[in-house]
Structure formats: C-alpha cells, structure tokens
C-alpha cells in the first residue's frame, strides 16, 4: 500500500513538473495563442481547393514568415542584439506560389470566422495576380515606377475579385477601410511621396465607395469620384483600370505617372 501511495504521488509530481517544463510551458502558450489566432495550417487546404475551383488550376500556398525569425530563440537573439522585431510579413506571390501570413488575429468581433474571411480574401488577391501575370510584368530598376505599377495592379485585382465574387464585398471593404486608416500622415512625407500617397488614398477611397470597375453600382470601366479624389492631382494613372486591362496597361500608366511626378519635383 505504501508503494502504491508513493507511485501515485510520484505520478502527480511528474505531471505537475511536466506542466512547468519547457515543453509544458510551450504547450500552454500554444493553447492560449490558438484562441487568439487562426493559423494558416488549419485553413491552407480549404483555401487551395477554393482557388482551384475559381481558377481551374492548382495553386499552392506557403507560409510567408521567415522560419529563422520564429520561436523563443529568435526573440532572445533580437533582445540581445537590440534589433527590433521584424514587421509582419506581407502576402505575396512570385508568379507561381502564394505566400500568406503564418497566422491572423482571431480576437474581437467575428473571431475565427472573420480571420478565415480575411485569409480567403488575401488568397484570392494573390491568385488573381498569378492569373494576370502581375509578377512577370513588374518593372525592374525603378522603385517609383514599380510602386505605381503595383498600385495600379492592386486596383485591377480588387475590381476583378468584386466582379467574380460579390460575396466577398464586405471583407474587401473592411480590408480597404483598415488600410486607409493606417496610411501615414501626408505632412510627414516628402513632396514626391505625397503625390504617391495621394494616389494610394484615391484608390482606397474609390474601392470603399463601391467604384470598382464593373462592381455593383457602376458600369464596367466607370470611374466615380471618391471622397479623396478632390485632393488627388490629375493623373494619367487610371484607378480603377478598365475591365479588360492588362499588366501592360498598368506598366504604361506607371511609367507615365513616374515621369509626371519627377517633372513636378
């Protein structure tokens, strides 16, 4: 009987010790974090099936996070070196594979459902870039022209998604509203940067106002005047682009707009 009591006591001690061991602490931290985040691994396959149905081709989704920056070891190295944590990785594509954040916040209204809707929208946006050939046509060597090209392509991508999938309109509007609210104050920018910032705000406000080409409330190619349009300088860069636009159109408009900005400043 004494041995039995000692055995049960030892089992309890082992269980208690494992909870506070590095592995036990890691499991508890992961469990708490899982309630506040939706991880890509949980929805990756679902997103890939959705994209295959939409684009009739297999598209694979990879983790956009740098694996070298994960875990407590990386955090300790950053603290020891005084180096700040890197910014959250952005969704991207190399023209073949899609890259999405490892996890999205699932706190607040909507919880995991809202995070899933956000993942769905991010996946569609990158898949549309693959379908258009955005990466292959991107200008090289001129950062200003490249930024303007990517802005024009972003407007075209959102317009295409709004036409093909009206059900994501709410998620698209919410994403644009968040992006617009997070834009930097123009007063902190240089004059050329303010010109580019004005175009970005023009595009975001136009999307929020439901002025996407071919979206409900506007005819294909129609360009309404969003709230930010009054402050935007006249521009040869059409936002949004006509329904049948191509990356070549975005590149041509970006080249003309870059020349205009440089001539002004």
Protein backbone atom coordinates (compact mmCIF):
# COMPACT_ATOMS: atom_id res chain seq x y z
CA UNK A 1 0.00 0.00 0.00
CA UNK A 2 2.85 2.36 0.85
CA UNK A 3 4.38 1.70 -2.53
CA UNK A 4 1.04 2.43 -4.22
CA UNK A 5 0.75 5.77 -2.43
CA UNK A 6 4.30 6.64 -3.38
CA UNK A 7 3.62 5.68 -7.00
CA UNK A 8 0.52 7.91 -7.19
CA UNK A 9 2.39 10.77 -5.52
CA UNK A 10 5.25 10.39 -7.95
CA UNK A 11 2.84 10.40 -10.89
CA UNK A 12 1.27 13.64 -9.64
CA UNK A 13 4.70 15.20 -9.20
CA UNK A 14 5.71 14.14 -12.71
CA UNK A 15 2.51 15.56 -14.14
CA UNK A 16 2.99 18.84 -12.24
CA UNK A 17 6.62 19.01 -13.28
CA UNK A 18 5.83 18.42 -16.95
CA UNK A 19 3.37 21.31 -16.90
CA UNK A 20 6.19 23.66 -15.89
CA UNK A 21 8.87 22.09 -18.02
CA UNK A 22 9.88 23.91 -21.25
CA UNK A 23 7.72 21.53 -23.29
CA UNK A 24 4.76 22.01 -20.93
CA UNK A 25 5.07 25.78 -20.97
CA UNK A 26 5.25 25.69 -24.75
CA UNK A 27 2.03 23.64 -24.97
CA UNK A 28 0.20 26.02 -22.63
CA UNK A 29 1.39 29.07 -24.57
CA UNK A 30 0.32 27.48 -27.85
CA UNK A 31 -3.12 26.66 -26.44
CA UNK A 32 -3.66 30.27 -25.31
CA UNK A 33 -2.42 31.67 -28.61
CA UNK A 34 -4.65 29.34 -30.63
CA UNK A 35 -7.68 31.06 -29.11
CA UNK A 36 -6.49 34.46 -30.34
CA UNK A 37 -5.10 33.48 -33.75
CA UNK A 38 -6.15 31.44 -36.75
CA UNK A 39 -3.15 29.58 -38.14
CA UNK A 40 -2.62 29.12 -41.86
CA UNK A 41 -2.02 25.39 -41.43
CA UNK A 42 -5.63 24.96 -40.30
CA UNK A 43 -7.14 26.51 -43.45
CA UNK A 44 -4.45 26.05 -46.11
CA UNK A 45 -6.08 23.06 -47.81
CA UNK A 46 -9.50 24.71 -47.81
CA UNK A 47 -8.08 27.83 -49.44
CA UNK A 48 -6.20 25.84 -52.07
CA UNK A 49 -9.40 23.98 -53.02
CA UNK A 50 -11.28 27.27 -53.31
CA UNK A 51 -8.63 28.74 -55.61
CA UNK A 52 -8.57 25.62 -57.77
CA UNK A 53 -12.33 25.89 -58.25
CA UNK A 54 -12.06 29.60 -59.11
CA UNK A 55 -9.05 29.48 -61.46
CA UNK A 56 -9.17 25.90 -62.72
CA UNK A 57 -5.52 25.32 -61.85
CA UNK A 58 -3.63 24.12 -58.78
CA UNK A 59 -2.21 26.94 -56.66
CA UNK A 60 -0.15 26.16 -53.59
CA UNK A 61 0.03 28.38 -50.50
CA UNK A 62 3.19 28.69 -48.42
CA UNK A 63 4.00 30.39 -45.15
CA UNK A 64 5.24 33.94 -45.73
CA UNK A 65 7.03 34.09 -42.38
CA UNK A 66 10.79 33.74 -42.27
CA UNK A 67 11.37 30.49 -40.33
CA UNK A 68 14.60 31.94 -38.92
CA UNK A 69 12.56 34.58 -37.06
CA UNK A 70 10.28 32.13 -35.25
CA UNK A 71 10.38 30.85 -31.70
CA UNK A 72 11.83 31.97 -28.42
CA UNK A 73 15.39 31.59 -29.65
CA UNK A 74 14.85 34.23 -32.31
CA UNK A 75 13.15 36.52 -29.78
CA UNK A 76 16.10 36.21 -27.39
CA UNK A 77 18.58 36.92 -30.18
CA UNK A 78 16.67 40.10 -31.09
CA UNK A 79 16.61 41.23 -27.45
CA UNK A 80 20.32 40.54 -27.00
CA UNK A 81 21.25 42.43 -30.15
CA UNK A 82 18.84 45.33 -29.57
CA UNK A 83 17.35 44.64 -33.01
CA UNK A 84 13.60 45.32 -33.23
CA UNK A 85 11.22 42.58 -34.24
CA UNK A 86 10.66 42.42 -37.99
CA UNK A 87 7.37 43.66 -39.36
CA UNK A 88 4.65 41.15 -40.08
CA UNK A 89 5.27 39.55 -43.48
CA UNK A 90 3.00 40.71 -46.26
CA UNK A 91 1.04 38.44 -48.60
CA UNK A 92 2.91 37.97 -51.86
CA UNK A 93 3.38 35.79 -54.92
CA UNK A 94 6.34 35.01 -57.12
CA UNK A 95 4.04 34.33 -60.04
CA UNK A 96 3.59 30.65 -59.20
CA UNK A 97 3.24 30.12 -55.46
CA UNK A 98 1.24 32.20 -52.99
CA UNK A 99 2.66 33.36 -49.67
CA UNK A 100 0.34 34.22 -46.76
CA UNK A 101 0.99 35.10 -43.09
CA UNK A 102 1.51 32.16 -40.75
CA UNK A 103 -1.43 33.33 -38.59
CA UNK A 104 -4.07 36.07 -38.47
CA UNK A 105 -5.64 37.60 -35.35
CA UNK A 106 -8.92 35.94 -34.36
CA UNK A 107 -9.84 38.22 -31.46
CA UNK A 108 -12.75 40.64 -31.33
CA UNK A 109 -15.95 40.63 -33.34
CA UNK A 110 -16.18 37.73 -35.74
CA UNK A 111 -13.33 35.78 -34.16
CA UNK A 112 -12.07 32.88 -36.26
CA UNK A 113 -14.78 33.41 -38.90
CA UNK A 114 -13.52 36.93 -39.56
CA UNK A 115 -9.95 35.68 -39.72
CA UNK A 116 -10.98 32.99 -42.22
CA UNK A 117 -12.73 35.60 -44.37
CA UNK A 118 -9.54 37.66 -44.29
CA UNK A 119 -7.45 34.64 -45.33
CA UNK A 120 -9.89 33.94 -48.15
CA UNK A 121 -9.58 37.49 -49.47
CA UNK A 122 -5.79 37.50 -49.23
CA UNK A 123 -5.60 34.20 -51.12
CA UNK A 124 -7.92 35.49 -53.86
CA UNK A 125 -5.91 38.67 -54.29
CA UNK A 126 -2.63 36.80 -54.74
CA UNK A 127 -4.23 34.19 -57.01
CA UNK A 128 -5.63 36.95 -59.21
CA UNK A 129 -2.13 38.39 -59.52
CA UNK A 130 -0.91 34.98 -60.68
CA UNK A 131 -3.73 34.77 -63.22
CA UNK A 132 -2.95 38.27 -64.54
CA UNK A 133 0.82 37.73 -64.66
CA UNK A 134 1.49 40.69 -62.36
CA UNK A 135 4.90 39.48 -61.13
CA UNK A 136 6.24 38.72 -64.60
CA UNK A 137 5.42 42.21 -65.96
CA UNK A 138 6.65 44.21 -62.96
CA UNK A 139 9.16 46.95 -63.87
CA UNK A 140 12.72 46.39 -62.71
CA UNK A 141 15.26 49.01 -61.72
CA UNK A 142 12.93 51.94 -60.98
CA UNK A 143 11.40 51.76 -57.48
CA UNK A 144 8.93 54.61 -58.12
CA UNK A 145 7.65 53.08 -61.35
CA UNK A 146 7.42 49.67 -59.69
CA UNK A 147 5.40 51.03 -56.76
CA UNK A 148 3.00 52.79 -59.11
CA UNK A 149 2.68 49.64 -61.22
CA UNK A 150 1.84 47.56 -58.14
CA UNK A 151 -0.73 50.15 -57.05
CA UNK A 152 -2.41 50.02 -60.44
CA UNK A 153 -2.40 46.22 -60.39
CA UNK A 154 -3.88 46.20 -56.88
CA UNK A 155 -6.82 48.26 -58.12
CA UNK A 156 -7.30 45.90 -61.08
CA UNK A 157 -7.13 42.84 -58.82
CA UNK A 158 -9.76 44.18 -56.43
CA UNK A 159 -12.02 45.06 -59.35
CA UNK A 160 -11.73 41.54 -60.77
CA UNK A 161 -12.48 39.94 -57.41
CA UNK A 162 -15.50 42.19 -56.85
CA UNK A 163 -16.90 41.14 -60.23
CA UNK A 164 -16.23 37.42 -59.83
CA UNK A 165 -17.10 37.04 -56.13
CA UNK A 166 -19.68 39.60 -54.94
CA UNK A 167 -19.91 37.71 -51.66
CA UNK A 168 -16.50 38.99 -50.55
CA UNK A 169 -17.50 42.64 -50.97
CA UNK A 170 -17.86 43.16 -47.21
CA UNK A 171 -14.43 41.68 -46.46
CA UNK A 172 -12.91 43.71 -49.29
CA UNK A 173 -14.46 46.93 -48.00
CA UNK A 174 -13.29 46.20 -44.46
CA UNK A 175 -9.74 45.49 -45.64
CA UNK A 176 -9.65 48.72 -47.65
CA UNK A 177 -11.02 50.71 -44.73
CA UNK A 178 -8.33 49.32 -42.43
CA UNK A 179 -5.61 50.06 -44.98
CA UNK A 180 -6.86 53.61 -45.49
CA UNK A 181 -6.96 54.26 -41.75
CA UNK A 182 -3.37 53.02 -41.39
CA UNK A 183 -1.89 55.30 -44.06
CA UNK A 184 0.87 57.67 -42.89
CA UNK A 185 0.19 61.36 -42.33
CA UNK A 186 0.98 63.26 -45.57
CA UNK A 187 2.73 66.01 -43.59
CA UNK A 188 5.50 63.55 -42.71
CA UNK A 189 6.25 62.76 -46.36
CA UNK A 190 8.37 64.44 -49.00
CA UNK A 191 6.66 66.15 -51.92
CA UNK A 192 7.09 63.19 -54.34
CA UNK A 193 5.94 60.80 -51.62
CA UNK A 194 2.83 62.93 -51.06
CA UNK A 195 1.96 62.56 -54.74
CA UNK A 196 2.17 58.78 -54.48
CA UNK A 197 0.30 58.80 -51.16
CA UNK A 198 -2.49 60.81 -52.76
CA UNK A 199 -2.88 58.14 -55.44
CA UNK A 200 -2.93 55.37 -52.82
CA UNK A 201 -5.65 57.15 -50.85
CA UNK A 202 -7.56 57.82 -54.05
CA UNK A 203 -7.53 54.10 -54.87
CA UNK A 204 -8.53 53.01 -51.37
CA UNK A 205 -11.34 55.54 -51.06
CA UNK A 206 -12.62 54.64 -54.51
CA UNK A 207 -12.79 50.97 -53.54
CA UNK A 208 -14.59 51.76 -50.31
CA UNK A 209 -17.10 53.92 -52.16
CA UNK A 210 -18.03 50.99 -54.39
CA UNK A 211 -16.42 52.46 -57.52
CA UNK A 212 -14.63 49.33 -58.68
CA UNK A 213 -14.94 48.84 -62.40
CA UNK A 214 -17.84 46.52 -63.07
CA UNK A 215 -18.81 46.31 -59.39
CA UNK A 216 -22.46 46.77 -58.34
CA UNK A 217 -23.41 50.41 -58.63
CA UNK A 218 -21.13 51.18 -61.58
CA UNK A 219 -20.81 50.18 -65.21
CA UNK A 220 -17.65 48.44 -66.42
CA UNK A 221 -14.86 50.96 -66.64
CA UNK A 222 -16.90 53.67 -64.94
CA UNK A 223 -14.91 55.93 -62.62
CA UNK A 224 -16.83 57.69 -59.91
CA UNK A 225 -15.29 60.44 -57.79
CA UNK A 226 -14.47 59.16 -54.29
CA UNK A 227 -14.01 61.44 -51.30
CA UNK A 228 -10.25 61.58 -51.73
CA UNK A 229 -10.44 62.44 -55.42
CA UNK A 230 -10.67 66.17 -54.79
CA UNK A 231 -7.21 66.20 -53.23
CA UNK A 232 -5.65 63.87 -55.77
CA UNK A 233 -3.61 65.56 -58.51
CA UNK A 234 -4.63 64.97 -62.14
CA UNK A 235 -3.05 61.69 -63.12
CA UNK A 236 -2.62 59.55 -66.23
CA UNK A 237 -2.75 56.51 -63.91
CA UNK A 238 -6.40 55.34 -64.13
CA UNK A 239 -7.76 53.86 -60.91
CA UNK A 240 -9.51 51.57 -61.28
CA UNK A 241 -8.44 50.33 -64.67
CA UNK A 242 -10.97 49.36 -67.35
CA UNK A 243 -12.40 45.86 -67.14
CA UNK A 244 -10.17 44.48 -69.92
CA UNK A 245 -6.93 46.00 -68.62
CA UNK A 246 -3.70 44.02 -68.58
CA UNK A 247 -0.43 44.34 -66.65
CA UNK A 248 0.96 46.05 -69.75
CA UNK A 249 -1.64 48.80 -69.24
CA UNK A 250 -0.59 49.14 -65.61
CA UNK A 251 3.06 49.35 -66.62
CA UNK A 252 2.39 52.02 -69.24
CA UNK A 253 0.37 54.11 -66.78
CA UNK A 254 3.03 53.70 -64.08
CA UNK A 255 5.77 54.87 -66.44
CA UNK A 256 3.79 57.98 -67.39
CA UNK A 257 2.89 58.74 -63.78
CA UNK A 258 6.50 58.35 -62.59
CA UNK A 259 7.63 60.81 -65.27
CA UNK A 260 4.92 63.28 -64.22
CA UNK A 261 5.91 63.11 -60.56
CA UNK A 262 9.59 63.64 -61.37
CA UNK A 263 8.75 66.59 -63.63
CA UNK A 264 6.80 68.24 -60.83
CA UNK A 265 9.61 67.91 -58.32
